[in-house]
């Protein structure tokens, strides 16, 4: 139990109706989950306005309400607190409710279009290998040292974030690495958190279904760095022109990493193969098991963050050489028939381009590159033709198929992908609605030595069609299909 007046500390309160001496046992923003003595926070969401469910929350046992608009009819014995922004207030209240766990841990946030999951996960793995107790908040999973929990969002809601951080503190965790999405920043889920550092990877075309423009998307990312304390570090990719933008107004220590530009942390790719990379990082050579130029950036960011967090440089280089790729990120196997199959989460134009350029830079030129890809439904439509264009010019054969169409018509999504294909590349493309059939067709087209890329879903173990999720794991499905085809 917490007293309402104590957990309101730092929230921007306009008016209070009733007493703030009331005891609160839980924080709830979904009226269906309200229980006795709960504080209900009414949020204005994209699809639903929580203010419409205040009466329902009270009927289920809520004793206090946080809202932006005070209802016309007030219940006796219920406390109403009016705030400017329910989302921000929820985040601050959640931090207070769990006694500000982010202040008791070294919390590092990773943001950018691509690379967040890889950097967060590999930093977790690096510090675990060094013997620390570590936490992870990522798209793929949530880790409280060795205990694993299911992740539902790239950046969880603010109550869940603080709940897991509190678990980490209670389990002796010293460092936590957290993916910070533009949605999470915009919806104030990270407000009230105390970050020890922030990492910026890159910025490219994504989420324009949610943000009105690229400039807005960039500025939302920038606001994360604007709000870092002066005790934190801001580590940014200097080879991305938006890296400098992220540093413009931050109070944090400004640090850069790059492969091409002048930077505090520098690396150079000496060799690139399917078995890994030979890198020169700050004058020391290290062989790593990860593949591609984009992973050279990721590893350099990890090296820089480890140094800023106090790890000895040569020790972090040794540990870098032991790291394995993250599930669904350039994850590959070679079938009995000699076909190299790569599964990657690439679901943006830039990510797809990076993966295909990496494949083309490593292959000898005699192998075919067959790409199977689609685009998610109910998401940014403007990237679809761009991804069709990239797949068609950088592949020997591109097969457009269903990804997670969600509530959209899958064929319509494929039609929009096809619009980006140039006439000279029409003959290099196929459209197969069923994803399993598309992978099977790619397997039939591939010969020994060829490279099959299955892009878009990566680590996901399901396919969502018309709101229904069915089991579908690209990696496992491809293994079964190729094994069957090569009998």
Protein backbone atom coordinates (compact mmCIF):
# COMPACT_ATOMS: atom_id res chain seq x y z
CA UNK A 1 0.00 0.00 0.00
CA UNK A 2 1.14 3.53 -0.82
CA UNK A 3 -0.40 6.87 0.17
CA UNK A 4 -1.66 8.86 -2.82
CA UNK A 5 -0.03 12.14 -1.78
CA UNK A 6 3.37 10.43 -1.65
CA UNK A 7 3.20 8.92 -5.13
CA UNK A 8 1.98 12.20 -6.67
CA UNK A 9 5.38 13.79 -5.99
CA UNK A 10 6.72 15.36 -9.19
CA UNK A 11 3.47 14.97 -11.15
CA UNK A 12 2.01 18.19 -12.54
CA UNK A 13 -1.25 18.44 -10.58
CA UNK A 14 -3.80 21.13 -11.42
CA UNK A 15 -6.70 20.38 -9.05
CA UNK A 16 -7.62 17.81 -6.42
CA UNK A 17 -11.16 16.88 -5.38
CA UNK A 18 -11.17 14.79 -2.21
CA UNK A 19 -8.33 13.68 0.04
CA UNK A 20 -4.85 12.62 -1.06
CA UNK A 21 -4.38 10.67 2.19
CA UNK A 22 -6.10 7.66 0.64
CA UNK A 23 -4.21 4.33 0.49
CA UNK A 24 -3.45 2.89 -2.96
CA UNK A 25 -2.70 -0.79 -3.56
CA UNK A 26 -2.32 -0.80 -7.35
CA UNK A 27 -1.91 1.40 -10.45
CA UNK A 28 -4.35 0.57 -13.26
CA UNK A 29 -4.90 2.22 -16.65
CA UNK A 30 -7.10 -0.53 -18.14
CA UNK A 31 -10.56 -0.30 -16.55
CA UNK A 32 -11.12 -4.05 -17.09
CA UNK A 33 -8.30 -4.81 -14.63
CA UNK A 34 -9.33 -2.47 -11.81
CA UNK A 35 -9.37 -3.98 -8.32
CA UNK A 36 -10.19 -2.78 -4.81
CA UNK A 37 -8.26 0.29 -3.59
CA UNK A 38 -6.69 0.88 -7.02
CA UNK A 39 -5.70 4.20 -8.54
CA UNK A 40 -7.20 4.43 -12.05
CA UNK A 41 -5.35 6.59 -14.57
CA UNK A 42 -7.57 7.75 -17.43
CA UNK A 43 -5.47 8.12 -20.57
CA UNK A 44 -6.41 9.50 -23.98
CA UNK A 45 -5.16 6.78 -26.31
CA UNK A 46 -4.95 6.59 -30.09
CA UNK A 47 -8.13 4.50 -30.31
CA UNK A 48 -9.76 4.71 -26.87
CA UNK A 49 -10.26 7.49 -24.32
CA UNK A 50 -9.92 6.12 -20.79
CA UNK A 51 -12.03 8.99 -19.42
CA UNK A 52 -15.11 7.13 -20.72
CA UNK A 53 -14.41 4.30 -18.27
CA UNK A 54 -14.00 6.27 -15.04
CA UNK A 55 -17.44 5.22 -13.73
CA UNK A 56 -16.69 1.57 -14.53
CA UNK A 57 -13.33 1.80 -12.72
CA UNK A 58 -15.04 3.20 -9.63
CA UNK A 59 -17.69 0.46 -9.70
CA UNK A 60 -14.88 -2.13 -9.68
CA UNK A 61 -13.18 -0.64 -6.63
CA UNK A 62 -11.00 2.30 -7.69
CA UNK A 63 -10.67 4.81 -4.83
CA UNK A 64 -8.85 7.55 -6.76
CA UNK A 65 -8.78 8.80 -10.34
CA UNK A 66 -6.05 10.56 -12.32
CA UNK A 67 -7.55 12.41 -15.29
CA UNK A 68 -7.06 15.35 -17.62
CA UNK A 69 -10.76 16.28 -17.49
CA UNK A 70 -12.77 16.14 -14.27
CA UNK A 71 -16.12 14.33 -14.78
CA UNK A 72 -19.29 16.39 -14.40
CA UNK A 73 -20.67 13.99 -11.78
CA UNK A 74 -18.34 13.22 -8.88
CA UNK A 75 -18.74 10.22 -6.57
CA UNK A 76 -18.59 10.90 -2.85
CA UNK A 77 -15.56 9.32 -1.19
CA UNK A 78 -13.59 9.15 -4.44
CA UNK A 79 -10.50 11.32 -4.96
CA UNK A 80 -10.10 12.98 -8.38
CA UNK A 81 -6.73 14.44 -9.42
CA UNK A 82 -6.61 16.60 -12.54
CA UNK A 83 -3.31 16.68 -14.46
CA UNK A 84 -2.13 18.18 -17.76
CA UNK A 85 -0.89 14.88 -19.19
CA UNK A 86 -2.12 11.52 -17.88
CA UNK A 87 0.60 9.59 -19.73
CA UNK A 88 3.42 11.57 -18.17
CA UNK A 89 1.76 11.56 -14.76
CA UNK A 90 1.33 7.78 -14.90
CA UNK A 91 5.05 7.34 -15.60
CA UNK A 92 6.06 9.60 -12.69
CA UNK A 93 3.52 8.03 -10.33
CA UNK A 94 4.66 4.53 -11.34
CA UNK A 95 8.27 5.43 -10.55
CA UNK A 96 7.20 6.78 -7.14
CA UNK A 97 4.96 3.76 -6.44
CA UNK A 98 7.92 1.42 -6.90
CA UNK A 99 10.22 3.82 -4.98
CA UNK A 100 12.15 4.98 -8.05
CA UNK A 101 14.05 1.78 -8.93
CA UNK A 102 15.80 3.40 -11.92
CA UNK A 103 17.82 5.50 -9.44
CA UNK A 104 19.16 2.32 -7.82
CA UNK A 105 20.45 0.73 -11.02
CA UNK A 106 22.61 1.72 -14.02
CA UNK A 107 19.87 2.05 -16.67
CA UNK A 108 20.96 2.56 -20.29
CA UNK A 109 18.42 3.31 -23.04
CA UNK A 110 19.03 2.44 -26.70
CA UNK A 111 17.05 4.25 -29.38
CA UNK A 112 17.14 4.57 -33.18
CA UNK A 113 15.45 2.92 -36.15
CA UNK A 114 17.63 -0.20 -36.39
CA UNK A 115 19.96 -2.02 -34.01
CA UNK A 116 18.15 -1.43 -30.70
CA UNK A 117 17.46 -5.09 -29.96
CA UNK A 118 20.94 -6.25 -30.96
CA UNK A 119 22.75 -3.62 -28.89
CA UNK A 120 20.53 -4.03 -25.79
CA UNK A 121 20.71 -7.84 -25.90
CA UNK A 122 24.44 -8.03 -26.54
CA UNK A 123 25.19 -5.50 -23.80
CA UNK A 124 23.14 -7.73 -21.48
CA UNK A 125 25.16 -10.77 -22.64
CA UNK A 126 28.49 -8.91 -22.37
CA UNK A 127 27.92 -7.82 -18.78
CA UNK A 128 26.57 -11.26 -17.83
CA UNK A 129 29.78 -12.82 -19.18
CA UNK A 130 31.75 -10.39 -17.03
CA UNK A 131 29.93 -11.75 -13.97
CA UNK A 132 27.43 -8.97 -13.25
CA UNK A 133 23.75 -9.37 -12.48
CA UNK A 134 22.03 -7.71 -15.44
CA UNK A 135 18.53 -6.79 -16.65
CA UNK A 136 17.12 -6.48 -20.18
CA UNK A 137 13.98 -4.78 -21.50
CA UNK A 138 13.74 -5.61 -25.21
CA UNK A 139 11.41 -6.43 -28.10
CA UNK A 140 12.35 -10.10 -27.87
CA UNK A 141 12.24 -10.70 -24.12
CA UNK A 142 12.59 -9.23 -20.64
CA UNK A 143 15.33 -10.58 -18.40
CA UNK A 144 15.70 -10.06 -14.66
CA UNK A 145 19.18 -11.55 -14.36
CA UNK A 146 18.50 -15.21 -15.26
CA UNK A 147 14.68 -15.07 -15.06
CA UNK A 148 12.93 -14.57 -18.42
CA UNK A 149 9.58 -12.84 -18.99
CA UNK A 150 7.53 -12.40 -22.16
CA UNK A 151 7.86 -9.04 -23.95
CA UNK A 152 4.75 -7.57 -25.59
CA UNK A 153 6.06 -4.15 -26.70
CA UNK A 154 9.44 -2.70 -27.69
CA UNK A 155 9.05 -0.31 -24.75
CA UNK A 156 6.59 -1.64 -22.12
CA UNK A 157 4.03 0.58 -20.39
CA UNK A 158 5.44 2.70 -17.55
CA UNK A 159 3.91 0.57 -14.78
CA UNK A 160 5.49 -2.60 -16.24
CA UNK A 161 8.85 -0.86 -16.72
CA UNK A 162 9.00 0.14 -13.07
CA UNK A 163 7.65 -3.23 -11.93
CA UNK A 164 10.50 -5.03 -13.74
CA UNK A 165 13.10 -2.50 -12.61
CA UNK A 166 11.91 -3.02 -9.04
CA UNK A 167 12.28 -6.80 -9.51
CA UNK A 168 15.80 -6.19 -10.79
CA UNK A 169 16.74 -4.05 -7.81
CA UNK A 170 15.34 -6.68 -5.42
CA UNK A 171 17.40 -9.35 -7.20
CA UNK A 172 20.65 -7.42 -6.96
CA UNK A 173 20.82 -6.38 -10.63
CA UNK A 174 23.42 -3.66 -11.24
CA UNK A 175 22.90 -2.80 -14.93
CA UNK A 176 19.81 -2.76 -17.16
CA UNK A 177 19.78 -2.27 -20.93
CA UNK A 178 16.51 -1.08 -22.40
CA UNK A 179 15.15 -0.53 -25.90
CA UNK A 180 13.51 2.89 -26.13
CA UNK A 181 11.07 3.20 -29.04
CA UNK A 182 9.72 6.42 -30.53
CA UNK A 183 6.22 5.30 -29.48
CA UNK A 184 7.43 4.81 -25.92
CA UNK A 185 9.06 8.26 -25.83
CA UNK A 186 6.07 10.00 -27.42
CA UNK A 187 3.64 8.34 -25.04
CA UNK A 188 5.83 9.40 -22.08
CA UNK A 189 6.41 5.81 -20.92
CA UNK A 190 10.01 6.68 -20.01
CA UNK A 191 9.17 9.87 -18.09
CA UNK A 192 10.27 9.66 -14.47
CA UNK A 193 13.08 7.22 -15.23
CA UNK A 194 16.68 8.07 -14.34
CA UNK A 195 19.01 6.97 -17.14
CA UNK A 196 22.74 6.47 -16.68
CA UNK A 197 23.20 6.67 -20.45
CA UNK A 198 21.55 6.79 -23.85
CA UNK A 199 22.70 5.29 -27.17
CA UNK A 200 21.59 6.47 -30.61
CA UNK A 201 22.01 3.99 -33.48
CA UNK A 202 20.63 5.58 -36.66
CA UNK A 203 17.50 7.09 -38.13
CA UNK A 204 15.71 6.02 -41.30
CA UNK A 205 12.22 5.64 -42.73
CA UNK A 206 9.85 4.03 -40.20
CA UNK A 207 6.70 4.60 -38.13
CA UNK A 208 5.36 7.36 -40.36
CA UNK A 209 1.94 5.76 -39.82
CA UNK A 210 2.22 7.03 -36.24
CA UNK A 211 4.36 10.17 -36.56
CA UNK A 212 3.15 12.86 -38.96
CA UNK A 213 6.55 13.37 -40.59
CA UNK A 214 10.17 12.27 -40.51
CA UNK A 215 11.03 15.51 -38.69
CA UNK A 216 8.54 14.67 -35.93
CA UNK A 217 9.92 11.13 -35.70
CA UNK A 218 13.46 12.55 -35.39
CA UNK A 219 12.44 15.14 -32.79
CA UNK A 220 10.71 12.53 -30.63
CA UNK A 221 13.97 10.54 -30.58
CA UNK A 222 15.86 13.75 -29.79
CA UNK A 223 13.63 14.48 -26.80
CA UNK A 224 14.98 11.34 -25.12
CA UNK A 225 18.49 12.83 -25.20
CA UNK A 226 17.18 16.30 -24.27
CA UNK A 227 15.93 14.81 -21.00
CA UNK A 228 19.05 12.87 -20.00
CA UNK A 229 20.61 14.19 -16.78
CA UNK A 230 24.09 15.72 -16.75
CA UNK A 231 25.36 12.65 -14.88
CA UNK A 232 24.51 10.43 -17.88
CA UNK A 233 26.30 9.84 -21.18
CA UNK A 234 24.86 10.33 -24.67
CA UNK A 235 26.63 7.99 -27.12
CA UNK A 236 25.65 8.61 -30.75
CA UNK A 237 26.53 7.33 -34.20
CA UNK A 238 28.52 10.16 -35.82
CA UNK A 239 28.18 8.58 -39.28
CA UNK A 240 24.43 9.24 -39.16
CA UNK A 241 23.73 12.94 -39.76
CA UNK A 242 21.03 12.80 -37.08
CA UNK A 243 23.61 11.87 -34.46
CA UNK A 244 24.61 15.52 -34.11
CA UNK A 245 20.94 16.49 -33.80
CA UNK A 246 20.52 14.14 -30.83
CA UNK A 247 23.34 15.95 -29.01
CA UNK A 248 22.16 19.52 -29.64
CA UNK A 249 20.40 20.16 -26.33
CA UNK A 250 21.45 17.29 -24.11
CA UNK A 251 22.94 17.97 -20.70
CA UNK A 252 24.61 14.55 -20.73
CA UNK A 253 28.25 13.84 -21.56
CA UNK A 254 28.50 13.90 -25.38
CA UNK A 255 30.30 10.91 -26.92
CA UNK A 256 30.46 9.61 -30.51
CA UNK A 257 31.26 6.40 -32.37
CA UNK A 258 31.85 5.91 -36.12
CA UNK A 259 33.37 3.83 -38.87
CA UNK A 260 33.81 6.72 -41.32
CA UNK A 261 33.89 9.98 -39.37
CA UNK A 262 36.05 11.42 -36.63
CA UNK A 263 34.73 10.05 -33.35
CA UNK A 264 35.63 9.14 -29.77
CA UNK A 265 35.30 5.43 -30.61
CA UNK A 266 36.51 4.30 -34.04
CA UNK A 267 36.41 0.99 -35.89
CA UNK A 268 37.40 -0.34 -39.30
CA UNK A 269 36.24 -3.51 -41.04
CA UNK A 270 39.32 -5.51 -42.11
CA UNK A 271 37.50 -8.68 -43.27
CA UNK A 272 33.84 -9.55 -43.80
CA UNK A 273 32.64 -13.14 -44.18
CA UNK A 274 29.56 -15.22 -43.39
CA UNK A 275 31.51 -16.59 -40.44
CA UNK A 276 32.08 -13.12 -38.96
CA UNK A 277 34.03 -9.87 -39.07
CA UNK A 278 37.63 -8.92 -38.42
CA UNK A 279 37.53 -5.44 -36.89
CA UNK A 280 40.09 -2.91 -35.80
CA UNK A 281 38.57 -1.15 -32.80
CA UNK A 282 40.59 1.72 -31.35
CA UNK A 283 43.81 0.18 -32.68
CA UNK A 284 43.16 -3.40 -31.55
CA UNK A 285 42.16 -6.23 -33.89
CA UNK A 286 39.28 -8.48 -32.85
CA UNK A 287 37.44 -11.29 -34.65
CA UNK A 288 33.69 -11.31 -33.96
CA UNK A 289 30.99 -13.82 -34.88
CA UNK A 290 28.47 -11.22 -36.05
CA UNK A 291 28.08 -10.39 -39.73
CA UNK A 292 27.85 -7.19 -41.77
CA UNK A 293 28.72 -3.52 -41.59
CA UNK A 294 25.59 -2.70 -39.59
CA UNK A 295 26.80 -5.10 -36.89
CA UNK A 296 30.20 -3.38 -36.88
CA UNK A 297 28.29 -0.23 -35.79
CA UNK A 298 26.35 -2.21 -33.19
CA UNK A 299 29.51 -3.76 -31.74
CA UNK A 300 31.29 -0.41 -31.65
CA UNK A 301 28.35 1.11 -29.73
CA UNK A 302 28.52 -1.81 -27.28
CA UNK A 303 32.27 -1.32 -26.86
CA UNK A 304 31.79 2.40 -26.25
CA UNK A 305 28.98 1.89 -23.74
CA UNK A 306 30.97 -0.75 -21.85
CA UNK A 307 33.90 1.66 -21.58
CA UNK A 308 31.66 4.49 -20.40
CA UNK A 309 30.19 2.16 -17.77
CA UNK A 310 33.68 1.39 -16.48
CA UNK A 311 34.61 -1.92 -18.10
CA UNK A 312 38.28 -2.32 -19.00
CA UNK A 313 38.73 -1.93 -22.78
CA UNK A 314 40.74 -5.07 -23.51
CA UNK A 315 38.33 -7.12 -21.42
CA UNK A 316 35.33 -5.81 -23.37
CA UNK A 317 37.11 -6.62 -26.66
CA UNK A 318 37.71 -10.17 -25.44
CA UNK A 319 34.03 -10.53 -24.54
CA UNK A 320 32.94 -8.99 -27.88
CA UNK A 321 34.70 -11.87 -29.65
CA UNK A 322 32.53 -14.37 -27.75
CA UNK A 323 29.14 -12.81 -28.51
CA UNK A 324 26.64 -14.65 -30.73
CA UNK A 325 24.01 -13.08 -32.99
CA UNK A 326 20.61 -12.23 -31.52
CA UNK A 327 17.57 -14.34 -32.41
CA UNK A 328 16.13 -13.25 -35.77
CA UNK A 329 18.96 -10.81 -36.50
CA UNK A 330 21.03 -12.14 -39.43
CA UNK A 331 20.47 -15.61 -38.00
CA UNK A 332 21.52 -18.23 -40.54
CA UNK A 333 21.99 -21.92 -41.21
CA UNK A 334 23.40 -23.93 -44.12
CA UNK A 335 21.14 -26.76 -45.27
CA UNK A 336 22.37 -30.25 -46.21
CA UNK A 337 21.99 -29.15 -49.81
CA UNK A 338 24.43 -26.29 -49.30
CA UNK A 339 21.87 -23.43 -49.31
CA UNK A 340 22.65 -20.59 -46.90
CA UNK A 341 19.39 -19.37 -45.35
CA UNK A 342 19.33 -16.08 -43.45
CA UNK A 343 16.42 -14.95 -41.26
CA UNK A 344 16.38 -11.26 -40.37
CA UNK A 345 13.93 -8.84 -38.75
CA UNK A 346 14.61 -6.24 -41.47
CA UNK A 347 11.24 -4.50 -41.76
CA UNK A 348 12.35 -1.03 -42.84
CA UNK A 349 13.88 0.07 -46.17
CA UNK A 350 17.22 0.88 -44.54
CA UNK A 351 17.42 -2.43 -42.64
CA UNK A 352 16.56 -4.46 -45.76
CA UNK A 353 19.15 -2.53 -47.79
CA UNK A 354 21.82 -3.13 -45.10
CA UNK A 355 21.18 -6.87 -44.99
CA UNK A 356 21.15 -7.30 -48.79
CA UNK A 357 24.23 -5.14 -49.28
CA UNK A 358 26.02 -7.20 -46.63
CA UNK A 359 25.08 -10.43 -48.42
CA UNK A 360 26.20 -9.03 -51.78
CA UNK A 361 29.51 -7.80 -50.33
CA UNK A 362 30.35 -11.26 -48.97
CA UNK A 363 29.18 -13.55 -51.79
CA UNK A 364 31.49 -14.36 -54.70
CA UNK A 365 28.94 -13.30 -57.34
CA UNK A 366 28.19 -16.73 -58.71
CA UNK A 367 25.43 -17.50 -56.18
CA UNK A 368 21.82 -16.42 -56.51
CA UNK A 369 20.35 -14.23 -53.76
CA UNK A 370 16.66 -15.07 -53.32
CA UNK A 371 14.71 -12.75 -51.02
CA UNK A 372 11.35 -13.51 -49.43
CA UNK A 373 9.78 -10.41 -47.88
CA UNK A 374 6.54 -8.64 -47.09
CA UNK A 375 5.35 -5.68 -45.03
CA UNK A 376 3.21 -5.56 -41.91
CA UNK A 377 -0.40 -4.44 -42.05
CA UNK A 378 -1.82 -1.46 -40.12
CA UNK A 379 1.62 0.14 -40.24
CA UNK A 380 3.46 2.74 -42.33
CA UNK A 381 2.29 2.23 -45.93
CA UNK A 382 4.78 4.62 -47.51
CA UNK A 383 7.73 2.29 -46.94
CA UNK A 384 6.16 -0.61 -48.90
CA UNK A 385 7.14 0.45 -52.47
CA UNK A 386 10.60 1.47 -51.22
CA UNK A 387 11.16 -2.01 -49.83
CA UNK A 388 9.90 -3.57 -53.06
CA UNK A 389 12.39 -1.46 -55.00
CA UNK A 390 15.30 -2.43 -52.72
CA UNK A 391 14.47 -6.14 -52.75
CA UNK A 392 14.14 -6.21 -56.54
CA UNK A 393 17.40 -4.43 -57.36
CA UNK A 394 19.60 -6.12 -54.73
CA UNK A 395 18.30 -9.69 -55.19
CA UNK A 396 18.60 -12.17 -58.02
CA UNK A 397 14.98 -13.08 -57.31
CA UNK A 398 12.52 -11.33 -54.98
CA UNK A 399 9.37 -13.05 -53.74
CA UNK A 400 6.76 -10.75 -52.20
CA UNK A 401 4.49 -12.41 -49.66
CA UNK A 402 2.37 -11.93 -46.58
CA UNK A 403 4.08 -10.71 -43.39
CA UNK A 404 1.71 -9.89 -40.51
CA UNK A 405 -1.20 -8.35 -42.45
CA UNK A 406 -3.16 -7.87 -39.21
CA UNK A 407 -6.49 -6.30 -40.24
CA UNK A 408 -5.39 -5.28 -43.76
CA UNK A 409 -5.89 -7.24 -46.96
CA UNK A 410 -2.60 -9.10 -47.53
CA UNK A 411 -2.88 -8.93 -51.33
CA UNK A 412 -3.34 -5.15 -51.18
CA UNK A 413 -0.10 -4.87 -49.18
CA UNK A 414 1.74 -6.96 -51.79
CA UNK A 415 0.31 -4.79 -54.58
CA UNK A 416 1.72 -1.71 -52.84
CA UNK A 417 5.14 -3.37 -52.49
CA UNK A 418 5.09 -4.18 -56.24
CA UNK A 419 4.53 -0.51 -57.10
CA UNK A 420 8.16 0.19 -56.19
CA UNK A 421 9.59 -2.30 -58.69
CA UNK A 422 11.18 -0.72 -61.78
CA UNK A 423 10.07 -2.16 -65.15
CA UNK A 424 13.50 -3.65 -65.83
CA UNK A 425 13.18 -5.71 -62.64
CA UNK A 426 9.65 -7.09 -63.16
CA UNK A 427 11.05 -10.40 -64.37
CA UNK A 428 13.01 -10.79 -61.11
CA UNK A 429 9.91 -10.72 -58.89
CA UNK A 430 7.16 -13.11 -57.91
CA UNK A 431 4.15 -12.61 -55.64
CA UNK A 432 2.94 -15.52 -53.52
CA UNK A 433 0.32 -14.66 -50.92
CA UNK A 434 0.90 -17.63 -48.60
CA UNK A 435 4.18 -17.13 -46.67
CA UNK A 436 4.92 -20.83 -46.31
CA UNK A 437 4.44 -21.37 -50.04
CA UNK A 438 6.68 -18.39 -50.75
CA UNK A 439 9.48 -19.90 -48.64
CA UNK A 440 8.94 -23.29 -50.30
CA UNK A 441 9.14 -21.70 -53.77
CA UNK A 442 12.37 -19.94 -52.79
CA UNK A 443 13.76 -23.28 -51.64
CA UNK A 444 12.87 -24.89 -54.97
CA UNK A 445 14.54 -22.05 -56.89
CA UNK A 446 17.74 -22.28 -54.84
CA UNK A 447 20.68 -24.49 -55.73
CA UNK A 448 23.79 -25.45 -53.81
CA UNK A 449 25.73 -22.33 -52.81
CA UNK A 450 22.76 -19.96 -53.24
CA UNK A 451 21.64 -17.58 -50.50
CA UNK A 452 18.04 -17.37 -49.29
CA UNK A 453 17.02 -14.31 -47.26
CA UNK A 454 13.71 -14.40 -45.34
CA UNK A 455 13.11 -10.86 -44.10
CA UNK A 456 10.61 -9.00 -41.97
CA UNK A 457 9.60 -11.17 -39.04
CA UNK A 458 12.90 -12.27 -37.54
CA UNK A 459 12.40 -13.55 -33.99
CA UNK A 460 8.59 -13.55 -34.19
CA UNK A 461 7.06 -16.99 -33.71
CA UNK A 462 3.62 -16.15 -35.09
CA UNK A 463 1.77 -14.68 -38.06
CA UNK A 464 -1.15 -12.34 -37.41
CA UNK A 465 -4.03 -12.39 -39.92
CA UNK A 466 -7.35 -10.63 -39.19
CA UNK A 467 -6.51 -10.35 -35.51
CA UNK A 468 -5.72 -14.07 -35.16
CA UNK A 469 -2.18 -15.17 -34.34
CA UNK A 470 -1.06 -18.53 -35.73
CA UNK A 471 2.23 -20.27 -35.02
CA UNK A 472 4.80 -19.32 -37.65
CA UNK A 473 8.55 -19.17 -37.06
CA UNK A 474 10.52 -18.25 -40.21
CA UNK A 475 13.71 -19.97 -39.01
CA UNK A 476 12.03 -23.25 -38.01
CA UNK A 477 9.75 -23.20 -41.05
CA UNK A 478 12.69 -22.74 -43.44
CA UNK A 479 14.63 -25.56 -41.79
CA UNK A 480 11.70 -27.97 -42.19
CA UNK A 481 10.98 -26.92 -45.77
CA UNK A 482 14.58 -27.23 -46.97
CA UNK A 483 15.01 -30.55 -45.20
CA UNK A 484 11.88 -31.85 -46.96
CA UNK A 485 12.91 -30.48 -50.37
CA UNK A 486 16.39 -32.02 -50.17
CA UNK A 487 15.35 -35.56 -49.27
